[in-house]
Amino acid sequence: MAETSVEAAPAKINLALHVTGRRADGYHSLEMLVTFAEVGDELEAAPARQDSLSISGPFAAGLGNGESNLVLRALGAFRRRWPGALPDGIDLRLAKNLPVAAGLGGGSADAAAALRLFAAMADADIAFPDLLELSRALGADVPMCLYSRPAEVRGIGEIVLPLKHFPTCYVVLVNPLVPVVTADVFRRLERRDNPGLPDIGDPLTRPAQLGLWLSETRNDLEPPAIAMVPVIGNLIAQLRVANGCILARMSGSGATVFGLFGSSAQAHQAAHDLRETWPAYWVAAAPLLAA
């Protein structure tokens, strides 16, 4: 039986997202602090006679397995860059555990997981800088997801500066299962020339220290997203008053909201309370990945 390889695709969380300008090509210049949670999709790969992708999991219905799927696009790009390095066929199986169009970088995380899998399977030494270069062609979020560690991110996402230190924290994620189209949120922005991130200065090593720094930051996409999906504001308000919550904010372009905690017990209690209040919504509690 062919050996199966497995790779996690952790959820990406924008702790801060500042829109600082608009470029001549129409893309927005961003400054972000991103981190990743120990919850996400999972990708399996095994040698096969031909390439195939099957999708399972609670959110499989929201994702197609055609040529536009980012996992298959990653496979095609990898084969073109390193011809002959992979088996003739690969059987890919994606467990789609994250909501689609949720502001958690799900598709980009899947593509990044695929690239890591292909590099491990390849009959060649694939240098990380070369893999990173390839990831940039697949989407703005794919490079940061390739790292899957806390980082400052700038430009349109192509400049990734991993942090050397990051405190042990826990996150609660809640999504009202309303897909939000990123382009629609950007179109509703009132300003595109907002101030950038404050300087991090001292290494972030304690949750309270991280919270103080984040108190001076924003998610500039939050107000237009709330105007489109008002329940986002309600979820932020409930998390903000949860015991031990350091920060409550929307991630990315929404509609997922996160609460940041320094205690696992407090995070799981907040998740329990959210499930009681919003039983139809997707809720998860998890540690954040370390630097």
C-alpha atoms as a PDB file:
ATOM      1  CA  MET A   1       0.000   0.000   0.000  1.00  0.00           C
ATOM      2  CA  ALA A   2       1.346   3.425  -0.932  1.00  0.00           C
ATOM      3  CA  GLU A   3       2.593   5.479   1.970  1.00  0.00           C
ATOM      4  CA  THR A   4       0.303   8.361   2.920  1.00  0.00           C
ATOM      5  CA  SER A   5       1.686  11.706   4.065  1.00  0.00           C
ATOM      6  CA  VAL A   6      -0.363  14.119   6.162  1.00  0.00           C
ATOM      7  CA  GLU A   7       0.009  17.874   6.600  1.00  0.00           C
ATOM      8  CA  ALA A   8      -1.996  20.291   8.743  1.00  0.00           C
ATOM      9  CA  ALA A   9      -3.343  23.517   7.266  1.00  0.00           C
ATOM     10  CA  PRO A  10      -3.719  25.749  10.339  1.00  0.00           C
ATOM     11  CA  ALA A  11      -6.236  28.579  10.446  1.00  0.00           C
ATOM     12  CA  LYS A  12      -4.680  32.006   9.875  1.00  0.00           C
ATOM     13  CA  ILE A  13      -5.762  34.783  12.217  1.00  0.00           C
ATOM     14  CA  ASN A  14      -5.184  38.455  11.542  1.00  0.00           C
ATOM     15  CA  LEU A  15      -4.586  39.875  15.012  1.00  0.00           C
ATOM     16  CA  ALA A  16      -4.169  43.291  13.371  1.00  0.00           C
ATOM     17  CA  LEU A  17      -4.805  44.417   9.788  1.00  0.00           C
ATOM     18  CA  HIS A  18      -4.041  47.964   8.657  1.00  0.00           C
ATOM     19  CA  VAL A  19      -4.858  49.106   5.117  1.00  0.00           C
ATOM     20  CA  THR A  20      -2.170  51.678   4.356  1.00  0.00           C
ATOM     21  CA  GLY A  21      -2.635  52.449   0.672  1.00  0.00           C
ATOM     22  CA  ARG A  22      -3.694  51.339  -2.773  1.00  0.00           C
ATOM     23  CA  ARG A  23      -1.153  50.455  -5.428  1.00  0.00           C
ATOM     24  CA  ALA A  24      -1.233  51.300  -9.116  1.00  0.00           C
ATOM     25  CA  ASP A  25      -2.151  47.667  -9.905  1.00  0.00           C
ATOM     26  CA  GLY A  26      -5.286  47.923  -7.757  1.00  0.00           C
ATOM     27  CA  TYR A  27      -4.024  45.811  -4.872  1.00  0.00           C
ATOM     28  CA  HIS A  28      -4.049  47.266  -1.366  1.00  0.00           C
ATOM     29  CA  SER A  29      -0.924  47.772   0.714  1.00  0.00           C
ATOM     30  CA  LEU A  30      -1.325  46.123   4.109  1.00  0.00           C
ATOM     31  CA  GLU A  31       0.493  45.885   7.423  1.00  0.00           C
ATOM     32  CA  MET A  32      -0.572  42.912   9.536  1.00  0.00           C
ATOM     33  CA  LEU A  33       0.279  40.806  12.535  1.00  0.00           C
ATOM     34  CA  VAL A  34      -0.767  37.245  11.797  1.00  0.00           C
ATOM     35  CA  THR A  35      -0.728  34.082  13.825  1.00  0.00           C
ATOM     36  CA  PHE A  36      -1.995  30.536  13.379  1.00  0.00           C
ATOM     37  CA  ALA A  37      -4.166  28.268  15.514  1.00  0.00           C
ATOM     38  CA  GLU A  38      -4.015  24.541  16.198  1.00  0.00           C
ATOM     39  CA  VAL A  39      -7.285  24.086  14.345  1.00  0.00           C
ATOM     40  CA  GLY A  40      -7.684  23.854  10.604  1.00  0.00           C
ATOM     41  CA  ASP A  41      -7.971  21.686   7.546  1.00  0.00           C
ATOM     42  CA  GLU A  42      -5.909  18.549   6.957  1.00  0.00           C
ATOM     43  CA  LEU A  43      -4.430  17.309   3.697  1.00  0.00           C
ATOM     44  CA  GLU A  44      -3.354  13.743   2.896  1.00  0.00           C
ATOM     45  CA  ALA A  45      -1.297  12.727  -0.121  1.00  0.00           C
ATOM     46  CA  ALA A  46      -0.269   9.342  -1.504  1.00  0.00           C
ATOM     47  CA  PRO A  47       1.294   8.197  -4.797  1.00  0.00           C
ATOM     48  CA  ALA A  48      -1.323   7.076  -7.319  1.00  0.00           C
ATOM     49  CA  ARG A  49      -1.826   6.302 -11.014  1.00  0.00           C
ATOM     50  CA  GLN A  50      -3.193   9.779 -11.672  1.00  0.00           C
ATOM     51  CA  ASP A  51      -3.786  13.036  -9.863  1.00  0.00           C
ATOM     52  CA  SER A  52      -7.059  13.354  -7.965  1.00  0.00           C
ATOM     53  CA  LEU A  53      -8.564  15.446  -5.185  1.00  0.00           C
ATOM     54  CA  SER A  54     -11.391  14.397  -2.897  1.00  0.00           C
ATOM     55  CA  ILE A  55     -12.858  16.656  -0.237  1.00  0.00           C
ATOM     56  CA  SER A  56     -14.581  15.595   2.972  1.00  0.00           C
ATOM     57  CA  GLY A  57     -15.423  17.222   6.277  1.00  0.00           C
ATOM     58  CA  PRO A  58     -18.157  19.531   7.582  1.00  0.00           C
ATOM     59  CA  PHE A  59     -17.506  22.259   4.989  1.00  0.00           C
ATOM     60  CA  ALA A  60     -16.759  20.103   1.951  1.00  0.00           C
ATOM     61  CA  ALA A  61     -19.926  21.228   0.170  1.00  0.00           C
ATOM     62  CA  GLY A  62     -18.652  24.819  -0.007  1.00  0.00           C
ATOM     63  CA  LEU A  63     -15.553  23.900  -1.973  1.00  0.00           C
ATOM     64  CA  GLY A  64     -15.114  22.532  -5.487  1.00  0.00           C
ATOM     65  CA  ASN A  65     -12.421  20.051  -6.509  1.00  0.00           C
ATOM     66  CA  GLY A  66     -11.933  21.364 -10.040  1.00  0.00           C
ATOM     67  CA  GLU A  67      -8.913  23.051 -11.589  1.00  0.00           C
ATOM     68  CA  SER A  68      -9.580  26.321  -9.723  1.00  0.00           C
ATOM     69  CA  ASN A  69      -9.049  24.627  -6.356  1.00  0.00           C
ATOM     70  CA  LEU A  70      -5.883  26.033  -4.811  1.00  0.00           C
ATOM     71  CA  VAL A  71      -4.557  22.594  -3.865  1.00  0.00           C
ATOM     72  CA  LEU A  72      -4.654  21.455  -7.487  1.00  0.00           C
ATOM     73  CA  ARG A  73      -3.227  24.783  -8.632  1.00  0.00           C
ATOM     74  CA  ALA A  74      -0.370  24.262  -6.172  1.00  0.00           C
ATOM     75  CA  LEU A  75       0.202  20.768  -7.595  1.00  0.00           C
ATOM     76  CA  GLY A  76       0.297  22.071 -11.159  1.00  0.00           C
ATOM     77  CA  ALA A  77       2.674  24.891 -10.236  1.00  0.00           C
ATOM     78  CA  PHE A  78       4.968  22.481  -8.359  1.00  0.00           C
ATOM     79  CA  ARG A  79       5.107  20.056 -11.296  1.00  0.00           C
ATOM     80  CA  ARG A  80       5.967  22.876 -13.718  1.00  0.00           C
ATOM     81  CA  ARG A  81       8.693  24.215 -11.417  1.00  0.00           C
ATOM     82  CA  TRP A  82      10.216  20.793 -10.624  1.00  0.00           C
ATOM     83  CA  PRO A  83       9.240  18.439 -13.469  1.00  0.00           C
ATOM     84  CA  GLY A  84       9.692  14.776 -12.656  1.00  0.00           C
ATOM     85  CA  ALA A  85      10.267  15.370  -8.936  1.00  0.00           C
ATOM     86  CA  LEU A  86       6.863  13.980  -7.883  1.00  0.00           C
ATOM     87  CA  PRO A  87       5.175  10.633  -8.550  1.00  0.00           C
ATOM     88  CA  ASP A  88       3.223  10.489 -11.838  1.00  0.00           C
ATOM     89  CA  GLY A  89      -0.012  10.696  -9.909  1.00  0.00           C
ATOM     90  CA  ILE A  90      -0.968  11.867  -6.421  1.00  0.00           C
ATOM     91  CA  ASP A  91      -4.161  11.011  -4.557  1.00  0.00           C
ATOM     92  CA  LEU A  92      -5.035  14.090  -2.484  1.00  0.00           C
ATOM     93  CA  ARG A  93      -7.649  14.024   0.254  1.00  0.00           C
ATOM     94  CA  LEU A  94      -8.635  17.283   1.917  1.00  0.00           C
ATOM     95  CA  ALA A  95     -10.560  17.339   5.199  1.00  0.00           C
ATOM     96  CA  LYS A  96     -12.316  20.712   5.080  1.00  0.00           C
ATOM     97  CA  ASN A  97     -12.824  21.608   8.738  1.00  0.00           C
ATOM     98  CA  LEU A  98     -12.798  25.408   8.416  1.00  0.00           C
ATOM     99  CA  PRO A  99     -15.703  27.470   7.073  1.00  0.00           C
ATOM    100  CA  VAL A 100     -15.225  28.761   3.525  1.00  0.00           C
ATOM    101  CA  ALA A 101     -14.763  32.502   2.858  1.00  0.00           C
ATOM    102  CA  ALA A 102     -14.379  33.032   6.593  1.00  0.00           C
ATOM    103  CA  GLY A 103     -11.331  35.279   6.948  1.00  0.00           C
ATOM    104  CA  LEU A 104      -9.178  32.364   8.148  1.00  0.00           C
ATOM    105  CA  GLY A 105      -7.082  31.882   5.017  1.00  0.00           C
ATOM    106  CA  GLY A 106      -8.492  28.388   4.530  1.00  0.00           C
ATOM    107  CA  GLY A 107      -7.811  27.971   0.806  1.00  0.00           C
ATOM    108  CA  SER A 108      -4.386  29.587   1.114  1.00  0.00           C
ATOM    109  CA  ALA A 109      -3.551  27.385   4.099  1.00  0.00           C
ATOM    110  CA  ASP A 110      -4.578  24.325   2.057  1.00  0.00           C
ATOM    111  CA  ALA A 111      -2.305  25.397  -0.809  1.00  0.00           C
ATOM    112  CA  ALA A 112       0.593  26.001   1.573  1.00  0.00           C
ATOM    113  CA  ALA A 113       0.071  22.586   3.194  1.00  0.00           C
ATOM    114  CA  ALA A 114       0.100  21.055  -0.280  1.00  0.00           C
ATOM    115  CA  LEU A 115       3.416  22.725  -1.117  1.00  0.00           C
ATOM    116  CA  ARG A 116       4.967  21.457   2.120  1.00  0.00           C
ATOM    117  CA  LEU A 117       3.695  17.947   1.345  1.00  0.00           C
ATOM    118  CA  PHE A 118       5.015  18.016  -2.218  1.00  0.00           C
ATOM    119  CA  ALA A 119       8.424  19.234  -1.067  1.00  0.00           C
ATOM    120  CA  ALA A 120       8.607  16.325   1.409  1.00  0.00           C
ATOM    121  CA  MET A 121       7.501  13.805  -1.241  1.00  0.00           C
ATOM    122  CA  ALA A 122       9.738  15.128  -4.004  1.00  0.00           C
ATOM    123  CA  ASP A 123      12.684  13.158  -5.360  1.00  0.00           C
ATOM    124  CA  ALA A 124      14.776  16.336  -5.104  1.00  0.00           C
ATOM    125  CA  ASP A 125      15.979  18.780  -2.492  1.00  0.00           C
ATOM    126  CA  ILE A 126      13.496  21.663  -2.500  1.00  0.00           C
ATOM    127  CA  ALA A 127      14.909  24.766  -0.819  1.00  0.00           C
ATOM    128  CA  PHE A 128      12.436  26.740   1.272  1.00  0.00           C
ATOM    129  CA  PRO A 129      13.220  30.065  -0.493  1.00  0.00           C
ATOM    130  CA  ASP A 130      12.321  28.444  -3.830  1.00  0.00           C
ATOM    131  CA  LEU A 131       9.092  27.060  -2.364  1.00  0.00           C
ATOM    132  CA  LEU A 132       8.332  30.502  -0.947  1.00  0.00           C
ATOM    133  CA  GLU A 133       8.866  32.102  -4.353  1.00  0.00           C
ATOM    134  CA  LEU A 134       6.460  29.612  -5.920  1.00  0.00           C
ATOM    135  CA  SER A 135       3.855  30.287  -3.212  1.00  0.00           C
ATOM    136  CA  ARG A 136       3.686  33.987  -4.133  1.00  0.00           C
ATOM    137  CA  ALA A 137       2.198  33.127  -7.508  1.00  0.00           C
ATOM    138  CA  LEU A 138      -0.689  31.232  -5.885  1.00  0.00           C
ATOM    139  CA  GLY A 139      -2.164  34.053  -3.800  1.00  0.00           C
ATOM    140  CA  ALA A 140      -1.335  36.867  -1.410  1.00  0.00           C
ATOM    141  CA  ASP A 141      -1.971  34.783   1.724  1.00  0.00           C
ATOM    142  CA  VAL A 142      -0.094  31.652   0.639  1.00  0.00           C
ATOM    143  CA  PRO A 143       3.440  32.828   1.627  1.00  0.00           C
ATOM    144  CA  MET A 144       2.435  33.599   5.231  1.00  0.00           C
ATOM    145  CA  CYS A 145       0.553  30.294   5.407  1.00  0.00           C
ATOM    146  CA  LEU A 146       3.658  28.499   4.158  1.00  0.00           C
ATOM    147  CA  TYR A 147       5.427  29.700   7.314  1.00  0.00           C
ATOM    148  CA  SER A 148       2.363  29.085   9.560  1.00  0.00           C
ATOM    149  CA  ARG A 149       3.971  30.936  12.460  1.00  0.00           C
ATOM    150  CA  PRO A 150       3.485  34.376  14.047  1.00  0.00           C
ATOM    151  CA  ALA A 151       4.749  37.085  11.717  1.00  0.00           C
ATOM    152  CA  GLU A 152       4.578  40.680  10.646  1.00  0.00           C
ATOM    153  CA  VAL A 153       3.300  40.774   7.094  1.00  0.00           C
ATOM    154  CA  ARG A 154       3.529  43.718   4.718  1.00  0.00           C
ATOM    155  CA  GLY A 155       2.884  44.643   1.103  1.00  0.00           C
ATOM    156  CA  ILE A 156       0.059  42.564  -0.337  1.00  0.00           C
ATOM    157  CA  GLY A 157       1.268  39.631   1.761  1.00  0.00           C
ATOM    158  CA  GLU A 158       4.541  38.858   0.023  1.00  0.00           C
ATOM    159  CA  ILE A 159       6.768  40.334   2.760  1.00  0.00           C
ATOM    160  CA  VAL A 160       6.701  37.906   5.710  1.00  0.00           C
ATOM    161  CA  LEU A 161       8.815  38.666   8.785  1.00  0.00           C
ATOM    162  CA  PRO A 162       8.477  35.789  11.294  1.00  0.00           C
ATOM    163  CA  LEU A 163       8.636  36.796  14.949  1.00  0.00           C
ATOM    164  CA  LYS A 164      11.369  35.293  17.092  1.00  0.00           C
ATOM    165  CA  HIS A 165       9.213  35.480  20.231  1.00  0.00           C
ATOM    166  CA  PHE A 166       5.483  35.099  20.822  1.00  0.00           C
ATOM    167  CA  PRO A 167       3.594  34.434  24.062  1.00  0.00           C
ATOM    168  CA  THR A 168       1.637  31.291  24.813  1.00  0.00           C
ATOM    169  CA  CYS A 169      -1.959  32.242  24.000  1.00  0.00           C
ATOM    170  CA  TYR A 170      -5.287  30.626  23.242  1.00  0.00           C
ATOM    171  CA  VAL A 171      -7.966  31.708  20.825  1.00  0.00           C
ATOM    172  CA  VAL A 172     -11.699  31.300  20.489  1.00  0.00           C
ATOM    173  CA  LEU A 173     -13.049  31.458  16.942  1.00  0.00           C
ATOM    174  CA  VAL A 174     -16.707  31.950  16.043  1.00  0.00           C
ATOM    175  CA  ASN A 175     -18.203  32.219  12.573  1.00  0.00           C
ATOM    176  CA  PRO A 176     -21.910  32.878  11.823  1.00  0.00           C
ATOM    177  CA  LEU A 177     -21.636  30.745   8.658  1.00  0.00           C
ATOM    178  CA  VAL A 178     -22.224  33.741   6.410  1.00  0.00           C
ATOM    179  CA  PRO A 179     -19.615  33.800   3.612  1.00  0.00           C
ATOM    180  CA  VAL A 180     -18.009  37.215   3.133  1.00  0.00           C
ATOM    181  CA  VAL A 181     -16.431  38.163  -0.190  1.00  0.00           C
ATOM    182  CA  THR A 182     -13.165  39.977   0.480  1.00  0.00           C
ATOM    183  CA  ALA A 183     -13.503  42.233  -2.579  1.00  0.00           C
ATOM    184  CA  ASP A 184     -16.914  43.451  -1.363  1.00  0.00           C
ATOM    185  CA  VAL A 185     -15.435  44.440   2.001  1.00  0.00           C
ATOM    186  CA  PHE A 186     -12.561  46.342   0.390  1.00  0.00           C
ATOM    187  CA  ARG A 187     -15.012  48.184  -1.870  1.00  0.00           C
ATOM    188  CA  ARG A 188     -16.795  49.538   1.216  1.00  0.00           C
ATOM    189  CA  LEU A 189     -13.647  50.970   2.807  1.00  0.00           C
ATOM    190  CA  GLU A 190     -13.995  54.673   3.544  1.00  0.00           C
ATOM    191  CA  ARG A 191     -10.211  55.217   3.675  1.00  0.00           C
ATOM    192  CA  ARG A 192      -7.330  53.350   2.094  1.00  0.00           C
ATOM    193  CA  ASP A 193      -4.460  55.438   3.460  1.00  0.00           C
ATOM    194  CA  ASN A 194      -4.621  54.584   7.142  1.00  0.00           C
ATOM    195  CA  PRO A 195      -1.649  54.682   9.561  1.00  0.00           C
ATOM    196  CA  GLY A 196       0.539  51.577   9.686  1.00  0.00           C
ATOM    197  CA  LEU A 197       1.273  49.242  12.589  1.00  0.00           C
ATOM    198  CA  PRO A 198       3.050  50.636  15.639  1.00  0.00           C
ATOM    199  CA  ASP A 199       6.610  49.437  16.166  1.00  0.00           C
ATOM    200  CA  ILE A 200       6.672  46.191  18.153  1.00  0.00           C
ATOM    201  CA  GLY A 201       9.777  47.286  20.038  1.00  0.00           C
ATOM    202  CA  ASP A 202      10.491  44.794  22.813  1.00  0.00           C
ATOM    203  CA  PRO A 203       9.858  41.120  21.973  1.00  0.00           C
ATOM    204  CA  LEU A 204       6.288  40.013  22.704  1.00  0.00           C
ATOM    205  CA  THR A 205       6.735  37.338  25.362  1.00  0.00           C
ATOM    206  CA  ARG A 206       3.654  37.692  27.640  1.00  0.00           C
ATOM    207  CA  PRO A 207      -0.064  37.711  26.779  1.00  0.00           C
ATOM    208  CA  ALA A 208      -0.628  41.005  28.616  1.00  0.00           C
ATOM    209  CA  GLN A 209       2.234  42.590  26.678  1.00  0.00           C
ATOM    210  CA  LEU A 210       0.724  41.387  23.403  1.00  0.00           C
ATOM    211  CA  GLY A 211      -2.648  42.754  24.475  1.00  0.00           C
ATOM    212  CA  LEU A 212      -1.205  46.193  25.214  1.00  0.00           C
ATOM    213  CA  TRP A 213       0.439  46.336  21.803  1.00  0.00           C
ATOM    214  CA  LEU A 214      -2.731  45.146  20.059  1.00  0.00           C
ATOM    215  CA  SER A 215      -4.786  47.829  21.842  1.00  0.00           C
ATOM    216  CA  GLU A 216      -3.033  50.363  19.595  1.00  0.00           C
ATOM    217  CA  THR A 217      -3.919  48.455  16.414  1.00  0.00           C
ATOM    218  CA  ARG A 218      -7.032  47.851  14.314  1.00  0.00           C
ATOM    219  CA  ASN A 219      -8.618  45.709  11.671  1.00  0.00           C
ATOM    220  CA  ASP A 220      -9.535  48.320   9.078  1.00  0.00           C
ATOM    221  CA  LEU A 221     -11.840  45.809   7.355  1.00  0.00           C
ATOM    222  CA  GLU A 222     -13.975  45.342  10.455  1.00  0.00           C
ATOM    223  CA  PRO A 223     -16.325  48.375  10.087  1.00  0.00           C
ATOM    224  CA  PRO A 224     -17.321  47.658   6.456  1.00  0.00           C
ATOM    225  CA  ALA A 225     -17.740  43.946   7.231  1.00  0.00           C
ATOM    226  CA  ILE A 226     -20.010  44.734  10.183  1.00  0.00           C
ATOM    227  CA  ALA A 227     -22.075  46.978   7.904  1.00  0.00           C
ATOM    228  CA  MET A 228     -22.543  43.970   5.605  1.00  0.00           C
ATOM    229  CA  VAL A 229     -23.018  41.335   8.351  1.00  0.00           C
ATOM    230  CA  PRO A 230     -24.135  43.103  11.580  1.00  0.00           C
ATOM    231  CA  VAL A 231     -23.941  39.942  13.711  1.00  0.00           C
ATOM    232  CA  ILE A 232     -20.138  40.248  13.515  1.00  0.00           C
ATOM    233  CA  GLY A 233     -20.437  43.221  15.876  1.00  0.00           C
ATOM    234  CA  ASN A 234     -22.640  41.224  18.252  1.00  0.00           C
ATOM    235  CA  LEU A 235     -20.102  38.395  18.393  1.00  0.00           C
ATOM    236  CA  ILE A 236     -17.258  40.815  19.109  1.00  0.00           C
ATOM    237  CA  ALA A 237     -19.301  42.399  21.896  1.00  0.00           C
ATOM    238  CA  GLN A 238     -20.007  39.032  23.556  1.00  0.00           C
ATOM    239  CA  LEU A 239     -16.378  37.903  23.381  1.00  0.00           C
ATOM    240  CA  ARG A 240     -15.092  41.246  24.616  1.00  0.00           C
ATOM    241  CA  VAL A 241     -16.805  40.786  27.996  1.00  0.00           C
ATOM    242  CA  ALA A 242     -15.813  37.107  28.384  1.00  0.00           C
ATOM    243  CA  ASN A 243     -13.722  36.402  31.477  1.00  0.00           C
ATOM    244  CA  GLY A 244     -10.028  36.667  30.624  1.00  0.00           C
ATOM    245  CA  CYS A 245     -10.489  37.965  27.067  1.00  0.00           C
ATOM    246  CA  ILE A 246      -7.479  40.103  26.120  1.00  0.00           C
ATOM    247  CA  LEU A 247      -8.863  41.234  22.766  1.00  0.00           C
ATOM    248  CA  ALA A 248     -11.919  40.543  20.619  1.00  0.00           C
ATOM    249  CA  ARG A 249     -11.776  41.419  16.927  1.00  0.00           C
ATOM    250  CA  MET A 250     -12.686  40.217  13.457  1.00  0.00           C
ATOM    251  CA  SER A 251     -10.082  38.212  11.536  1.00  0.00           C
ATOM    252  CA  GLY A 252      -9.208  39.155   7.965  1.00  0.00           C
ATOM    253  CA  SER A 253     -12.233  40.235   5.956  1.00  0.00           C
ATOM    254  CA  GLY A 254     -14.587  38.215   8.168  1.00  0.00           C
ATOM    255  CA  ALA A 255     -16.933  36.904   9.115  1.00  0.00           C
ATOM    256  CA  THR A 256     -14.897  34.978  11.716  1.00  0.00           C
ATOM    257  CA  VAL A 257     -14.413  36.753  15.040  1.00  0.00           C
ATOM    258  CA  PHE A 258     -11.685  35.803  17.495  1.00  0.00           C
ATOM    259  CA  GLY A 259     -11.137  36.260  21.200  1.00  0.00           C
ATOM    260  CA  LEU A 260      -7.570  36.146  22.516  1.00  0.00           C
ATOM    261  CA  PHE A 261      -6.931  34.562  25.935  1.00  0.00           C
ATOM    262  CA  GLY A 262      -3.941  33.842  28.134  1.00  0.00           C
ATOM    263  CA  SER A 263      -5.649  30.818  29.721  1.00  0.00           C
ATOM    264  CA  SER A 264      -6.844  27.606  28.068  1.00  0.00           C
ATOM    265  CA  ALA A 265      -9.606  27.162  30.647  1.00  0.00           C
ATOM    266  CA  GLN A 266     -10.951  30.678  30.058  1.00  0.00           C
ATOM    267  CA  ALA A 267     -10.881  30.184  26.293  1.00  0.00           C
ATOM    268  CA  HIS A 268     -12.808  26.909  26.500  1.00  0.00           C
ATOM    269  CA  GLN A 269     -15.366  28.459  28.857  1.00  0.00           C
ATOM    270  CA  ALA A 270     -15.894  31.347  26.448  1.00  0.00           C
ATOM    271  CA  ALA A 271     -16.343  28.872  23.588  1.00  0.00           C
ATOM    272  CA  HIS A 272     -18.889  26.939  25.668  1.00  0.00           C
ATOM    273  CA  ASP A 273     -20.841  30.131  26.349  1.00  0.00           C
ATOM    274  CA  LEU A 274     -20.825  31.081  22.662  1.00  0.00           C
ATOM    275  CA  ARG A 275     -22.185  27.670  21.675  1.00  0.00           C
ATOM    276  CA  GLU A 276     -25.028  28.115  24.141  1.00  0.00           C
ATOM    277  CA  THR A 277     -25.889  31.582  22.811  1.00  0.00           C
ATOM    278  CA  TRP A 278     -25.348  30.808  19.108  1.00  0.00           C
ATOM    279  CA  PRO A 279     -25.916  27.028  18.714  1.00  0.00           C
ATOM    280  CA  ALA A 280     -26.039  27.195  14.899  1.00  0.00           C
ATOM    281  CA  TYR A 281     -22.669  28.920  14.554  1.00  0.00           C
ATOM    282  CA  TRP A 282     -19.217  27.387  14.126  1.00  0.00           C
ATOM    283  CA  VAL A 283     -17.142  27.756  17.322  1.00  0.00           C
ATOM    284  CA  ALA A 284     -13.660  26.484  18.142  1.00  0.00           C
ATOM    285  CA  ALA A 285     -11.091  26.993  20.896  1.00  0.00           C
ATOM    286  CA  ALA A 286      -7.422  26.197  20.362  1.00  0.00           C
ATOM    287  CA  PRO A 287      -3.857  27.163  21.295  1.00  0.00           C
ATOM    288  CA  LEU A 288      -1.948  29.472  18.994  1.00  0.00           C
ATOM    289  CA  LEU A 289       1.125  28.068  17.298  1.00  0.00           C
ATOM    290  CA  ALA A 290       4.432  29.187  18.765  1.00  0.00           C
ATOM    291  CA  ALA A 291       7.003  31.385  17.049  1.00  0.00           C
END
